Amino acid sequence: MPNYKSPKTDNSKSQQLTVVVRIRPLFDHEAEKGASKIARKADNKMVLLQDPTAGDPVDILRAKRAQEKKYVFDWAFDEDSPQED
């Protein structure tokens, strides 16, 4: 993954940004409408997103696309983690 950095100016200070993600649980009304979970935590830093339309034989444009995407963060929490974590 390329490292994109802002150009430094004379008065800029080195700062570090921590990116944290939490996968929220489905709301009851979402589950009642048939929504499914498309995000899952692979480990403490990686989240996997599943294409919800994967496997649709009618959608020929997505047939050869990756059905799963991986994203890496500084920290990743799943729906079982309390908000306070």
PDB file of N, CA and C in Angstrom:
ATOM      1  N   MET A   1       0.842  -1.169   0.000  1.00  0.00           N
ATOM      2  CA  MET A   1       0.000   0.000   0.000  1.00  0.00           C
ATOM      3  C   MET A   1       0.890   1.236   0.000  1.00  0.00           C
ATOM      4  N   PRO A   2       0.673   2.175  -0.896  1.00  0.00           N
ATOM      5  CA  PRO A   2       1.509   3.361  -0.957  1.00  0.00           C
ATOM      6  C   PRO A   2       1.368   4.196   0.304  1.00  0.00           C
ATOM      7  N   ASN A   3       2.409   4.887   0.638  1.00  0.00           N
ATOM      8  CA  ASN A   3       2.397   5.737   1.817  1.00  0.00           C
ATOM      9  C   ASN A   3       2.161   7.169   1.367  1.00  0.00           C
ATOM     10  N   TYR A   4       0.941   7.658   1.519  1.00  0.00           N
ATOM     11  CA  TYR A   4       0.609   9.015   1.119  1.00  0.00           C
ATOM     12  C   TYR A   4       0.806   9.939   2.303  1.00  0.00           C
ATOM     13  N   LYS A   5       1.672  10.901   2.147  1.00  0.00           N
ATOM     14  CA  LYS A   5       1.934  11.854   3.219  1.00  0.00           C
ATOM     15  C   LYS A   5       1.737  13.261   2.691  1.00  0.00           C
ATOM     16  N   SER A   6       1.265  14.112   3.574  1.00  0.00           N
ATOM     17  CA  SER A   6       1.133  15.520   3.221  1.00  0.00           C
ATOM     18  C   SER A   6       2.517  16.142   3.174  1.00  0.00           C
ATOM     19  N   PRO A   7       2.698  17.086   2.277  1.00  0.00           N
ATOM     20  CA  PRO A   7       3.997  17.759   2.255  1.00  0.00           C
ATOM     21  C   PRO A   7       4.212  18.520   3.553  1.00  0.00           C
ATOM     22  N   LYS A   8       5.427  18.448   4.083  1.00  0.00           N
ATOM     23  CA  LYS A   8       5.727  19.137   5.339  1.00  0.00           C
ATOM     24  C   LYS A   8       6.034  20.603   5.071  1.00  0.00           C
ATOM     25  N   THR A   9       5.575  21.412   5.990  1.00  0.00           N
ATOM     26  CA  THR A   9       5.917  22.830   5.952  1.00  0.00           C
ATOM     27  C   THR A   9       6.883  23.095   7.090  1.00  0.00           C
ATOM     28  N   ASP A  10       7.438  24.268   7.124  1.00  0.00           N
ATOM     29  CA  ASP A  10       8.425  24.597   8.146  1.00  0.00           C
ATOM     30  C   ASP A  10       7.860  24.495   9.560  1.00  0.00           C
ATOM     31  N   ASN A  11       6.576  24.814   9.736  1.00  0.00           N
ATOM     32  CA  ASN A  11       6.011  24.814  11.083  1.00  0.00           C
ATOM     33  C   ASN A  11       5.199  23.550  11.383  1.00  0.00           C
ATOM     34  N   SER A  12       5.267  22.549  10.524  1.00  0.00           N
ATOM     35  CA  SER A  12       4.493  21.329  10.775  1.00  0.00           C
ATOM     36  C   SER A  12       5.216  20.438  11.783  1.00  0.00           C
ATOM     37  N   LYS A  13       4.426  19.704  12.555  1.00  0.00           N
ATOM     38  CA  LYS A  13       4.976  18.774  13.529  1.00  0.00           C
ATOM     39  C   LYS A  13       4.621  17.363  13.086  1.00  0.00           C
ATOM     40  N   SER A  14       5.447  16.423  13.448  1.00  0.00           N
ATOM     41  CA  SER A  14       5.171  15.031  13.124  1.00  0.00           C
ATOM     42  C   SER A  14       4.050  14.533  14.032  1.00  0.00           C
ATOM     43  N   GLN A  15       2.975  14.043  13.424  1.00  0.00           N
ATOM     44  CA  GLN A  15       1.842  13.536  14.181  1.00  0.00           C
ATOM     45  C   GLN A  15       1.505  12.146  13.677  1.00  0.00           C
ATOM     46  N   GLN A  16       1.002  11.336  14.584  1.00  0.00           N
ATOM     47  CA  GLN A  16       0.586   9.991  14.205  1.00  0.00           C
ATOM     48  C   GLN A  16      -0.915   9.883  14.402  1.00  0.00           C
ATOM     49  N   LEU A  17      -1.576   9.309  13.430  1.00  0.00           N
ATOM     50  CA  LEU A  17      -3.020   9.131  13.466  1.00  0.00           C
ATOM     51  C   LEU A  17      -3.310   7.648  13.656  1.00  0.00           C
ATOM     52  N   THR A  18      -4.143   7.330  14.644  1.00  0.00           N
ATOM     53  CA  THR A  18      -4.554   5.953  14.881  1.00  0.00           C
ATOM     54  C   THR A  18      -5.961   5.774  14.345  1.00  0.00           C
ATOM     55  N   VAL A  19      -6.146   4.769  13.503  1.00  0.00           N
ATOM     56  CA  VAL A  19      -7.454   4.509  12.901  1.00  0.00           C
ATOM     57  C   VAL A  19      -8.018   3.228  13.510  1.00  0.00           C
ATOM     58  N   VAL A  20      -9.200   3.366  14.110  1.00  0.00           N
ATOM     59  CA  VAL A  20      -9.865   2.255  14.784  1.00  0.00           C
ATOM     60  C   VAL A  20     -11.231   2.064  14.153  1.00  0.00           C
ATOM     61  N   VAL A  21     -11.630   0.804  13.948  1.00  0.00           N
ATOM     62  CA  VAL A  21     -12.937   0.512  13.364  1.00  0.00           C
ATOM     63  C   VAL A  21     -13.664  -0.481  14.270  1.00  0.00           C
ATOM     64  N   ARG A  22     -14.981  -0.312  14.362  1.00  0.00           N
ATOM     65  CA  ARG A  22     -15.819  -1.257  15.101  1.00  0.00           C
ATOM     66  C   ARG A  22     -16.956  -1.690  14.189  1.00  0.00           C
ATOM     67  N   ILE A  23     -17.114  -2.992  14.035  1.00  0.00           N
ATOM     68  CA  ILE A  23     -18.222  -3.534  13.252  1.00  0.00           C
ATOM     69  C   ILE A  23     -19.436  -3.560  14.168  1.00  0.00           C
ATOM     70  N   ARG A  24     -20.458  -2.851  13.799  1.00  0.00           N
ATOM     71  CA  ARG A  24     -21.641  -2.801  14.663  1.00  0.00           C
ATOM     72  C   ARG A  24     -22.544  -3.992  14.383  1.00  0.00           C
ATOM     73  N   PRO A  25     -23.330  -4.398  15.376  1.00  0.00           N
ATOM     74  CA  PRO A  25     -24.285  -5.484  15.132  1.00  0.00           C
ATOM     75  C   PRO A  25     -25.436  -4.997  14.260  1.00  0.00           C
ATOM     76  N   LEU A  26     -26.108  -5.934  13.611  1.00  0.00           N
ATOM     77  CA  LEU A  26     -27.288  -5.573  12.824  1.00  0.00           C
ATOM     78  C   LEU A  26     -28.390  -5.097  13.762  1.00  0.00           C
ATOM     79  N   PHE A  27     -29.114  -4.083  13.342  1.00  0.00           N
ATOM     80  CA  PHE A  27     -30.300  -3.667  14.079  1.00  0.00           C
ATOM     81  C   PHE A  27     -31.393  -4.703  13.842  1.00  0.00           C
ATOM     82  N   ASP A  28     -32.330  -4.804  14.776  1.00  0.00           N
ATOM     83  CA  ASP A  28     -33.426  -5.770  14.634  1.00  0.00           C
ATOM     84  C   ASP A  28     -34.199  -5.557  13.339  1.00  0.00           C
ATOM     85  N   HIS A  29     -34.477  -4.287  13.013  1.00  0.00           N
ATOM     86  CA  HIS A  29     -35.256  -4.023  11.798  1.00  0.00           C
ATOM     87  C   HIS A  29     -34.480  -4.406  10.534  1.00  0.00           C
ATOM     88  N   GLU A  30     -33.158  -4.358  10.589  1.00  0.00           N
ATOM     89  CA  GLU A  30     -32.352  -4.798   9.445  1.00  0.00           C
ATOM     90  C   GLU A  30     -32.430  -6.319   9.289  1.00  0.00           C
ATOM     91  N   ALA A  31     -32.318  -7.029  10.407  1.00  0.00           N
ATOM     92  CA  ALA A  31     -32.399  -8.487  10.366  1.00  0.00           C
ATOM     93  C   ALA A  31     -33.787  -8.947   9.913  1.00  0.00           C
ATOM     94  N   GLU A  32     -34.822  -8.234  10.352  1.00  0.00           N
ATOM     95  CA  GLU A  32     -36.192  -8.585   9.955  1.00  0.00           C
ATOM     96  C   GLU A  32     -36.405  -8.423   8.450  1.00  0.00           C
ATOM     97  N   LYS A  33     -35.690  -7.486   7.850  1.00  0.00           N
ATOM     98  CA  LYS A  33     -35.806  -7.267   6.400  1.00  0.00           C
ATOM     99  C   LYS A  33     -34.911  -8.213   5.603  1.00  0.00           C
ATOM    100  N   GLY A  34     -34.193  -9.092   6.296  1.00  0.00           N
ATOM    101  CA  GLY A  34     -33.355 -10.065   5.606  1.00  0.00           C
ATOM    102  C   GLY A  34     -31.927  -9.625   5.368  1.00  0.00           C
ATOM    103  N   ALA A  35     -31.518  -8.539   6.007  1.00  0.00           N
ATOM    104  CA  ALA A  35     -30.132  -8.082   5.848  1.00  0.00           C
ATOM    105  C   ALA A  35     -29.187  -9.122   6.448  1.00  0.00           C
ATOM    106  N   SER A  36     -28.022  -9.216   5.877  1.00  0.00           N
ATOM    107  CA  SER A  36     -27.038 -10.160   6.404  1.00  0.00           C
ATOM    108  C   SER A  36     -25.753  -9.423   6.744  1.00  0.00           C
ATOM    109  N   LYS A  37     -24.981 -10.032   7.597  1.00  0.00           N
ATOM    110  CA  LYS A  37     -23.708  -9.453   8.026  1.00  0.00           C
ATOM    111  C   LYS A  37     -22.698  -9.605   6.891  1.00  0.00           C
ATOM    112  N   ILE A  38     -22.084  -8.508   6.462  1.00  0.00           N
ATOM    113  CA  ILE A  38     -21.104  -8.578   5.373  1.00  0.00           C
ATOM    114  C   ILE A  38     -19.691  -8.260   5.847  1.00  0.00           C
ATOM    115  N   ALA A  39     -19.547  -7.822   7.105  1.00  0.00           N
ATOM    116  CA  ALA A  39     -18.228  -7.489   7.643  1.00  0.00           C
ATOM    117  C   ALA A  39     -17.900  -8.451   8.771  1.00  0.00           C
ATOM    118  N   ARG A  40     -16.642  -8.890   8.782  1.00  0.00           N
ATOM    119  CA  ARG A  40     -16.200  -9.715   9.904  1.00  0.00           C
ATOM    120  C   ARG A  40     -14.749  -9.385  10.219  1.00  0.00           C
ATOM    121  N   LYS A  41     -14.428  -9.511  11.484  1.00  0.00           N
ATOM    122  CA  LYS A  41     -13.073  -9.225  11.947  1.00  0.00           C
ATOM    123  C   LYS A  41     -12.223 -10.471  11.753  1.00  0.00           C
ATOM    124  N   ALA A  42     -11.132 -10.334  11.025  1.00  0.00           N
ATOM    125  CA  ALA A  42     -10.222 -11.458  10.801  1.00  0.00           C
ATOM    126  C   ALA A  42      -9.236 -11.585  11.956  1.00  0.00           C
ATOM    127  N   ASP A  43      -8.745 -10.458  12.433  1.00  0.00           N
ATOM    128  CA  ASP A  43      -7.862 -10.422  13.598  1.00  0.00           C
ATOM    129  C   ASP A  43      -7.972  -9.038  14.224  1.00  0.00           C
ATOM    130  N   ASN A  44      -7.057  -8.681  15.103  1.00  0.00           N
ATOM    131  CA  ASN A  44      -7.153  -7.397  15.812  1.00  0.00           C
ATOM    132  C   ASN A  44      -6.912  -6.184  14.926  1.00  0.00           C
ATOM    133  N   LYS A  45      -6.527  -6.407  13.676  1.00  0.00           N
ATOM    134  CA  LYS A  45      -6.245  -5.290  12.779  1.00  0.00           C
ATOM    135  C   LYS A  45      -6.950  -5.389  11.430  1.00  0.00           C
ATOM    136  N   MET A  46      -7.425  -6.562  11.065  1.00  0.00           N
ATOM    137  CA  MET A  46      -7.980  -6.754   9.723  1.00  0.00           C
ATOM    138  C   MET A  46      -9.484  -7.010   9.749  1.00  0.00           C
ATOM    139  N   VAL A  47     -10.181  -6.334   8.814  1.00  0.00           N
ATOM    140  CA  VAL A  47     -11.615  -6.534   8.619  1.00  0.00           C
ATOM    141  C   VAL A  47     -11.825  -7.020   7.191  1.00  0.00           C
ATOM    142  N   LEU A  48     -12.674  -8.026   7.036  1.00  0.00           N
ATOM    143  CA  LEU A  48     -13.016  -8.563   5.725  1.00  0.00           C
ATOM    144  C   LEU A  48     -14.438  -8.159   5.387  1.00  0.00           C
ATOM    145  N   LEU A  49     -14.621  -7.614   4.190  1.00  0.00           N
ATOM    146  CA  LEU A  49     -15.952  -7.248   3.709  1.00  0.00           C
ATOM    147  C   LEU A  49     -16.336  -8.178   2.576  1.00  0.00           C
ATOM    148  N   GLN A  50     -17.500  -8.770   2.693  1.00  0.00           N
ATOM    149  CA  GLN A  50     -18.028  -9.683   1.682  1.00  0.00           C
ATOM    150  C   GLN A  50     -18.984  -8.913   0.784  1.00  0.00           C
ATOM    151  N   ASP A  51     -18.851  -9.066  -0.520  1.00  0.00           N
ATOM    152  CA  ASP A  51     -19.760  -8.424  -1.467  1.00  0.00           C
ATOM    153  C   ASP A  51     -21.140  -9.050  -1.300  1.00  0.00           C
ATOM    154  N   PRO A  52     -22.150  -8.266  -0.897  1.00  0.00           N
ATOM    155  CA  PRO A  52     -23.478  -8.844  -0.654  1.00  0.00           C
ATOM    156  C   PRO A  52     -24.152  -9.361  -1.918  1.00  0.00           C
ATOM    157  N   THR A  53     -23.694  -8.937  -3.076  1.00  0.00           N
ATOM    158  CA  THR A  53     -24.306  -9.400  -4.328  1.00  0.00           C
ATOM    159  C   THR A  53     -23.510 -10.530  -4.967  1.00  0.00           C
ATOM    160  N   ALA A  54     -22.482 -11.013  -4.288  1.00  0.00           N
ATOM    161  CA  ALA A  54     -21.654 -12.086  -4.843  1.00  0.00           C
ATOM    162  C   ALA A  54     -22.503 -13.328  -5.073  1.00  0.00           C
ATOM    163  N   GLY A  55     -22.279 -13.948  -6.178  1.00  0.00           N
ATOM    164  CA  GLY A  55     -23.007 -15.166  -6.500  1.00  0.00           C
ATOM    165  C   GLY A  55     -24.308 -14.934  -7.234  1.00  0.00           C
ATOM    166  N   ASP A  56     -24.633 -13.684  -7.527  1.00  0.00           N
ATOM    167  CA  ASP A  56     -25.856 -13.386  -8.276  1.00  0.00           C
ATOM    168  C   ASP A  56     -25.600 -13.708  -9.745  1.00  0.00           C
ATOM    169  N   PRO A  57     -26.235 -14.735 -10.298  1.00  0.00           N
ATOM    170  CA  PRO A  57     -25.953 -15.130 -11.684  1.00  0.00           C
ATOM    171  C   PRO A  57     -26.400 -14.095 -12.718  1.00  0.00           C
ATOM    172  N   VAL A  58     -27.278 -13.189 -12.327  1.00  0.00           N
ATOM    173  CA  VAL A  58     -27.771 -12.173 -13.261  1.00  0.00           C
ATOM    174  C   VAL A  58     -26.764 -11.034 -13.422  1.00  0.00           C
ATOM    175  N   ASP A  59     -25.971 -10.780 -12.398  1.00  0.00           N
ATOM    176  CA  ASP A  59     -25.038  -9.652 -12.401  1.00  0.00           C
ATOM    177  C   ASP A  59     -23.710 -10.067 -13.039  1.00  0.00           C
ATOM    178  N   ILE A  60     -23.662 -10.062 -14.366  1.00  0.00           N
ATOM    179  CA  ILE A  60     -22.460 -10.522 -15.072  1.00  0.00           C
ATOM    180  C   ILE A  60     -21.285  -9.559 -14.931  1.00  0.00           C
ATOM    181  N   LEU A  61     -21.549  -8.295 -14.627  1.00  0.00           N
ATOM    182  CA  LEU A  61     -20.465  -7.324 -14.491  1.00  0.00           C
ATOM    183  C   LEU A  61     -19.623  -7.585 -13.250  1.00  0.00           C
ATOM    184  N   ARG A  62     -20.194  -8.200 -12.228  1.00  0.00           N
ATOM    185  CA  ARG A  62     -19.458  -8.482 -10.999  1.00  0.00           C
ATOM    186  C   ARG A  62     -18.935  -9.909 -10.939  1.00  0.00           C
ATOM    187  N   ALA A  63     -19.143 -10.678 -11.956  1.00  0.00           N
ATOM    188  CA  ALA A  63     -18.802 -12.099 -11.922  1.00  0.00           C
ATOM    189  C   ALA A  63     -17.322 -12.346 -11.650  1.00  0.00           C
ATOM    190  N   LYS A  64     -16.444 -11.504 -12.174  1.00  0.00           N
ATOM    191  CA  LYS A  64     -15.011 -11.743 -12.025  1.00  0.00           C
ATOM    192  C   LYS A  64     -14.358 -10.838 -10.980  1.00  0.00           C
ATOM    193  N   ARG A  65     -15.156 -10.047 -10.299  1.00  0.00           N
ATOM    194  CA  ARG A  65     -14.611  -9.189  -9.246  1.00  0.00           C
ATOM    195  C   ARG A  65     -14.328  -9.999  -7.995  1.00  0.00           C
ATOM    196  N   ALA A  66     -13.416  -9.514  -7.198  1.00  0.00           N
ATOM    197  CA  ALA A  66     -13.144 -10.165  -5.917  1.00  0.00           C
ATOM    198  C   ALA A  66     -14.390 -10.076  -5.047  1.00  0.00           C
ATOM    199  N   GLN A  67     -14.750 -11.180  -4.442  1.00  0.00           N
ATOM    200  CA  GLN A  67     -15.954 -11.207  -3.619  1.00  0.00           C
ATOM    201  C   GLN A  67     -15.674 -10.789  -2.186  1.00  0.00           C
ATOM    202  N   GLU A  68     -14.413 -10.657  -1.849  1.00  0.00           N
ATOM    203  CA  GLU A  68     -14.041 -10.274  -0.496  1.00  0.00           C
ATOM    204  C   GLU A  68     -12.944  -9.218  -0.560  1.00  0.00           C
ATOM    205  N   LYS A  69     -13.071  -8.198   0.251  1.00  0.00           N
ATOM    206  CA  LYS A  69     -12.061  -7.140   0.336  1.00  0.00           C
ATOM    207  C   LYS A  69     -11.471  -7.139   1.737  1.00  0.00           C
ATOM    208  N   LYS A  70     -10.176  -6.901   1.828  1.00  0.00           N
ATOM    209  CA  LYS A  70      -9.483  -6.859   3.113  1.00  0.00           C
ATOM    210  C   LYS A  70      -9.056  -5.426   3.408  1.00  0.00           C
ATOM    211  N   TYR A  71      -9.286  -5.005   4.641  1.00  0.00           N
ATOM    212  CA  TYR A  71      -8.875  -3.677   5.081  1.00  0.00           C
ATOM    213  C   TYR A  71      -8.124  -3.817   6.397  1.00  0.00           C
ATOM    214  N   VAL A  72      -7.012  -3.107   6.522  1.00  0.00           N
ATOM    215  CA  VAL A  72      -6.189  -3.175   7.726  1.00  0.00           C
ATOM    216  C   VAL A  72      -6.229  -1.824   8.431  1.00  0.00           C
ATOM    217  N   PHE A  73      -6.447  -1.872   9.738  1.00  0.00           N
ATOM    218  CA  PHE A  73      -6.526  -0.686  10.584  1.00  0.00           C
ATOM    219  C   PHE A  73      -5.532  -0.849  11.727  1.00  0.00           C
ATOM    220  N   ASP A  74      -5.385   0.186  12.532  1.00  0.00           N
ATOM    221  CA  ASP A  74      -4.548   0.065  13.720  1.00  0.00           C
ATOM    222  C   ASP A  74      -5.195  -0.880  14.736  1.00  0.00           C
ATOM    223  N   TRP A  75      -6.517  -0.809  14.850  1.00  0.00           N
ATOM    224  CA  TRP A  75      -7.285  -1.702  15.719  1.00  0.00           C
ATOM    225  C   TRP A  75      -8.620  -1.998  15.064  1.00  0.00           C
ATOM    226  N   ALA A  76      -9.099  -3.223  15.233  1.00  0.00           N
ATOM    227  CA  ALA A  76     -10.416  -3.610  14.718  1.00  0.00           C
ATOM    228  C   ALA A  76     -11.183  -4.327  15.825  1.00  0.00           C
ATOM    229  N   PHE A  77     -12.449  -3.965  15.976  1.00  0.00           N
ATOM    230  CA  PHE A  77     -13.323  -4.580  16.970  1.00  0.00           C
ATOM    231  C   PHE A  77     -14.555  -5.118  16.264  1.00  0.00           C
ATOM    232  N   ASP A  78     -15.088  -6.234  16.763  1.00  0.00           N
ATOM    233  CA  ASP A  78     -16.289  -6.796  16.154  1.00  0.00           C
ATOM    234  C   ASP A  78     -17.536  -6.378  16.929  1.00  0.00           C
ATOM    235  N   GLU A  79     -18.683  -6.917  16.518  1.00  0.00           N
ATOM    236  CA  GLU A  79     -19.954  -6.515  17.117  1.00  0.00           C
ATOM    237  C   GLU A  79     -20.106  -6.997  18.554  1.00  0.00           C
ATOM    238  N   ASP A  80     -19.272  -7.927  18.991  1.00  0.00           N
ATOM    239  CA  ASP A  80     -19.334  -8.401  20.373  1.00  0.00           C
ATOM    240  C   ASP A  80     -18.534  -7.519  21.326  1.00  0.00           C
ATOM    241  N   SER A  81     -17.748  -6.614  20.794  1.00  0.00           N
ATOM    242  CA  SER A  81     -16.968  -5.702  21.630  1.00  0.00           C
ATOM    243  C   SER A  81     -17.859  -4.575  22.127  1.00  0.00           C
ATOM    244  N   PRO A  82     -17.762  -4.246  23.414  1.00  0.00           N
ATOM    245  CA  PRO A  82     -18.565  -3.119  23.905  1.00  0.00           C
ATOM    246  C   PRO A  82     -18.055  -1.805  23.329  1.00  0.00           C
ATOM    247  N   GLN A  83     -18.916  -0.842  23.286  1.00  0.00           N
ATOM    248  CA  GLN A  83     -18.580   0.474  22.735  1.00  0.00           C
ATOM    249  C   GLN A  83     -17.411   1.103  23.501  1.00  0.00           C
ATOM    250  N   GLU A  84     -17.271   0.767  24.775  1.00  0.00           N
ATOM    251  CA  GLU A  84     -16.239   1.374  25.622  1.00  0.00           C
ATOM    252  C   GLU A  84     -14.833   0.912  25.266  1.00  0.00           C
ATOM    253  N   ASP A  85     -14.692  -0.230  24.602  1.00  0.00           N
ATOM    254  CA  ASP A  85     -13.356  -0.717  24.238  1.00  0.00           C
ATOM    255  C   ASP A  85     -12.684   0.290  23.344  1.00  0.00           C
TER     256      ASP A  85
END
